[in-house]
Amino acid sequence: MQCPERFRGQSGKVYGFRKADGGPGWRRQPGLALLAAVDGYGWRIIRIVEIPGIADDVGPIRARREAARYGAETLLVLDEPDASRRRAIRADLEAGLSPLWRDDSLSLAA
């Protein structure tokens, strides 16, 4: 079992993410993915993506490819089957981590 990477949301709650390889398995389990890059100060979060756990859903794949254009080479995953809880965790993390991408619209955050 690998040690989780921990990230704190705006609420102060800490969430543990595991590193995932780039294979197709990362998007089969419902949850969240952090698409991140390492810089001189630690993790730089490019994007936070909800993973619905649907094998044919190409949304997470597109998000990962787009984030890679901005330097995201690391994929961190948190398993969470409850959709409303995923949305709440995502909002908390987006507010606390200030990712480059704010939503699924593929527009840069201000």
C-alpha atoms as a PDB file:
ATOM      1  CA  MET A   1       0.000   0.000   0.000  1.00  0.00           C
ATOM      2  CA  GLN A   2       1.428   3.334  -0.979  1.00  0.00           C
ATOM      3  CA  CYS A   3       1.411   6.357   1.292  1.00  0.00           C
ATOM      4  CA  PRO A   4      -1.243   8.867   0.290  1.00  0.00           C
ATOM      5  CA  GLU A   5      -0.476  12.406  -0.745  1.00  0.00           C
ATOM      6  CA  ARG A   6      -2.513  14.723   1.455  1.00  0.00           C
ATOM      7  CA  PHE A   7      -4.184  17.937   0.359  1.00  0.00           C
ATOM      8  CA  ARG A   8      -6.140  20.378   2.508  1.00  0.00           C
ATOM      9  CA  GLY A   9      -9.313  22.053   1.277  1.00  0.00           C
ATOM     10  CA  GLN A  10     -10.460  25.543   2.196  1.00  0.00           C
ATOM     11  CA  SER A  11     -12.502  24.047   5.064  1.00  0.00           C
ATOM     12  CA  GLY A  12      -9.308  22.670   6.626  1.00  0.00           C
ATOM     13  CA  LYS A  13     -10.286  19.051   5.964  1.00  0.00           C
ATOM     14  CA  VAL A  14      -7.463  16.848   4.687  1.00  0.00           C
ATOM     15  CA  TYR A  15      -7.998  14.424   1.798  1.00  0.00           C
ATOM     16  CA  GLY A  16      -5.643  11.550   0.966  1.00  0.00           C
ATOM     17  CA  PHE A  17      -4.932  10.835  -2.698  1.00  0.00           C
ATOM     18  CA  ARG A  18      -2.952   7.909  -4.080  1.00  0.00           C
ATOM     19  CA  LYS A  19      -0.662   8.125  -7.081  1.00  0.00           C
ATOM     20  CA  ALA A  20      -2.046   6.273 -10.088  1.00  0.00           C
ATOM     21  CA  ASP A  21      -0.364   5.130 -13.243  1.00  0.00           C
ATOM     22  CA  GLY A  22      -1.648   6.404 -16.555  1.00  0.00           C
ATOM     23  CA  GLY A  23      -3.357   3.136 -17.520  1.00  0.00           C
ATOM     24  CA  PRO A  24      -7.110   2.855 -18.054  1.00  0.00           C
ATOM     25  CA  GLY A  25      -7.767   1.629 -14.507  1.00  0.00           C
ATOM     26  CA  TRP A  26      -7.645   5.073 -12.891  1.00  0.00           C
ATOM     27  CA  ARG A  27     -10.996   6.134 -14.337  1.00  0.00           C
ATOM     28  CA  ARG A  28     -12.967   2.948 -13.566  1.00  0.00           C
ATOM     29  CA  GLN A  29     -13.568   3.716  -9.883  1.00  0.00           C
ATOM     30  CA  PRO A  30     -15.761   6.760  -9.057  1.00  0.00           C
ATOM     31  CA  GLY A  31     -13.867   9.534  -7.337  1.00  0.00           C
ATOM     32  CA  LEU A  32     -11.692  12.574  -7.943  1.00  0.00           C
ATOM     33  CA  ALA A  33      -8.406  13.038  -9.719  1.00  0.00           C
ATOM     34  CA  LEU A  34      -5.835  15.753  -9.170  1.00  0.00           C
ATOM     35  CA  LEU A  35      -3.779  16.450 -12.273  1.00  0.00           C
ATOM     36  CA  ALA A  36      -0.590  17.910 -10.883  1.00  0.00           C
ATOM     37  CA  ALA A  37       2.966  18.989 -11.586  1.00  0.00           C
ATOM     38  CA  VAL A  38       5.901  19.164  -9.216  1.00  0.00           C
ATOM     39  CA  ASP A  39       7.605  22.522  -8.912  1.00  0.00           C
ATOM     40  CA  GLY A  40      10.159  24.034  -6.571  1.00  0.00           C
ATOM     41  CA  TYR A  41       7.598  24.486  -3.789  1.00  0.00           C
ATOM     42  CA  GLY A  42       5.839  21.102  -3.989  1.00  0.00           C
ATOM     43  CA  TRP A  43       2.695  20.200  -5.887  1.00  0.00           C
ATOM     44  CA  ARG A  44       1.144  22.582  -8.400  1.00  0.00           C
ATOM     45  CA  ILE A  45      -2.446  21.517  -9.068  1.00  0.00           C
ATOM     46  CA  ILE A  46      -3.410  22.034 -12.687  1.00  0.00           C
ATOM     47  CA  ARG A  47      -6.910  20.590 -12.540  1.00  0.00           C
ATOM     48  CA  ILE A  48      -9.338  18.699 -10.311  1.00  0.00           C
ATOM     49  CA  VAL A  49     -11.547  16.240 -12.196  1.00  0.00           C
ATOM     50  CA  GLU A  50     -14.563  14.233 -11.115  1.00  0.00           C
ATOM     51  CA  ILE A  51     -14.394  10.604 -12.210  1.00  0.00           C
ATOM     52  CA  PRO A  52     -17.893   9.138 -12.623  1.00  0.00           C
ATOM     53  CA  GLY A  53     -16.579   5.565 -12.841  1.00  0.00           C
ATOM     54  CA  ILE A  54     -18.050   4.935 -16.283  1.00  0.00           C
ATOM     55  CA  ALA A  55     -15.596   3.033 -18.475  1.00  0.00           C
ATOM     56  CA  ASP A  56     -16.642   4.789 -21.708  1.00  0.00           C
ATOM     57  CA  ASP A  57     -16.606   8.342 -20.286  1.00  0.00           C
ATOM     58  CA  VAL A  58     -13.957  10.314 -22.181  1.00  0.00           C
ATOM     59  CA  GLY A  59     -14.241  13.441 -20.004  1.00  0.00           C
ATOM     60  CA  PRO A  60     -11.457  12.453 -17.582  1.00  0.00           C
ATOM     61  CA  ILE A  61      -9.230  11.455 -20.511  1.00  0.00           C
ATOM     62  CA  ARG A  62      -9.724  14.809 -22.236  1.00  0.00           C
ATOM     63  CA  ALA A  63      -9.124  16.671 -18.976  1.00  0.00           C
ATOM     64  CA  ARG A  64      -5.885  14.765 -18.419  1.00  0.00           C
ATOM     65  CA  ARG A  65      -4.629  15.508 -21.931  1.00  0.00           C
ATOM     66  CA  GLU A  66      -5.474  19.190 -21.583  1.00  0.00           C
ATOM     67  CA  ALA A  67      -3.781  19.407 -18.169  1.00  0.00           C
ATOM     68  CA  ALA A  68      -0.671  17.742 -19.609  1.00  0.00           C
ATOM     69  CA  ARG A  69      -0.326  20.722 -21.934  1.00  0.00           C
ATOM     70  CA  TYR A  70       0.198  22.816 -18.790  1.00  0.00           C
ATOM     71  CA  GLY A  71       2.743  20.491 -17.206  1.00  0.00           C
ATOM     72  CA  ALA A  72       0.600  17.990 -15.288  1.00  0.00           C
ATOM     73  CA  GLU A  73       2.606  14.780 -15.315  1.00  0.00           C
ATOM     74  CA  THR A  74       1.244  13.258 -12.094  1.00  0.00           C
ATOM     75  CA  LEU A  75      -2.159  11.687 -11.550  1.00  0.00           C
ATOM     76  CA  LEU A  76      -3.456  11.496  -7.971  1.00  0.00           C
ATOM     77  CA  VAL A  77      -6.753   9.697  -7.273  1.00  0.00           C
ATOM     78  CA  LEU A  78      -9.249   9.699  -4.391  1.00  0.00           C
ATOM     79  CA  ASP A  79     -11.953   7.006  -4.508  1.00  0.00           C
ATOM     80  CA  GLU A  80     -15.411   8.361  -3.593  1.00  0.00           C
ATOM     81  CA  PRO A  81     -18.556   6.571  -4.817  1.00  0.00           C
ATOM     82  CA  ASP A  82     -21.059   9.220  -3.650  1.00  0.00           C
ATOM     83  CA  ALA A  83     -21.575  11.872  -6.374  1.00  0.00           C
ATOM     84  CA  SER A  84     -22.752  14.634  -4.022  1.00  0.00           C
ATOM     85  CA  ARG A  85     -19.779  14.052  -1.731  1.00  0.00           C
ATOM     86  CA  ARG A  86     -17.416  14.176  -4.770  1.00  0.00           C
ATOM     87  CA  ARG A  87     -18.848  17.562  -5.736  1.00  0.00           C
ATOM     88  CA  ALA A  88     -18.442  18.866  -2.172  1.00  0.00           C
ATOM     89  CA  ILE A  89     -14.850  17.627  -1.907  1.00  0.00           C
ATOM     90  CA  ARG A  90     -14.030  19.081  -5.316  1.00  0.00           C
ATOM     91  CA  ALA A  91     -15.443  22.493  -4.374  1.00  0.00           C
ATOM     92  CA  ASP A  92     -13.525  22.450  -1.082  1.00  0.00           C
ATOM     93  CA  LEU A  93     -10.257  21.544  -2.816  1.00  0.00           C
ATOM     94  CA  GLU A  94     -10.727  24.044  -5.652  1.00  0.00           C
ATOM     95  CA  ALA A  95     -11.263  26.824  -3.123  1.00  0.00           C
ATOM     96  CA  GLY A  96      -8.262  25.770  -1.043  1.00  0.00           C
ATOM     97  CA  LEU A  97      -5.753  24.815  -3.753  1.00  0.00           C
ATOM     98  CA  SER A  98      -6.440  27.355  -6.543  1.00  0.00           C
ATOM     99  CA  PRO A  99      -5.946  25.036  -9.526  1.00  0.00           C
ATOM    100  CA  LEU A 100      -5.197  26.492 -12.949  1.00  0.00           C
ATOM    101  CA  TRP A 101      -8.497  25.102 -14.315  1.00  0.00           C
ATOM    102  CA  ARG A 102     -11.559  25.976 -12.245  1.00  0.00           C
ATOM    103  CA  ASP A 103     -14.307  23.922 -13.925  1.00  0.00           C
ATOM    104  CA  ASP A 104     -15.144  21.590 -16.781  1.00  0.00           C
ATOM    105  CA  SER A 105     -15.533  24.428 -19.267  1.00  0.00           C
ATOM    106  CA  LEU A 106     -11.824  24.255 -20.199  1.00  0.00           C
ATOM    107  CA  SER A 107     -11.391  27.977 -19.611  1.00  0.00           C
ATOM    108  CA  LEU A 108      -8.439  29.262 -17.634  1.00  0.00           C
ATOM    109  CA  ALA A 109      -9.084  30.489 -14.099  1.00  0.00           C
ATOM    110  CA  ALA A 110      -8.782  34.215 -13.565  1.00  0.00           C
END
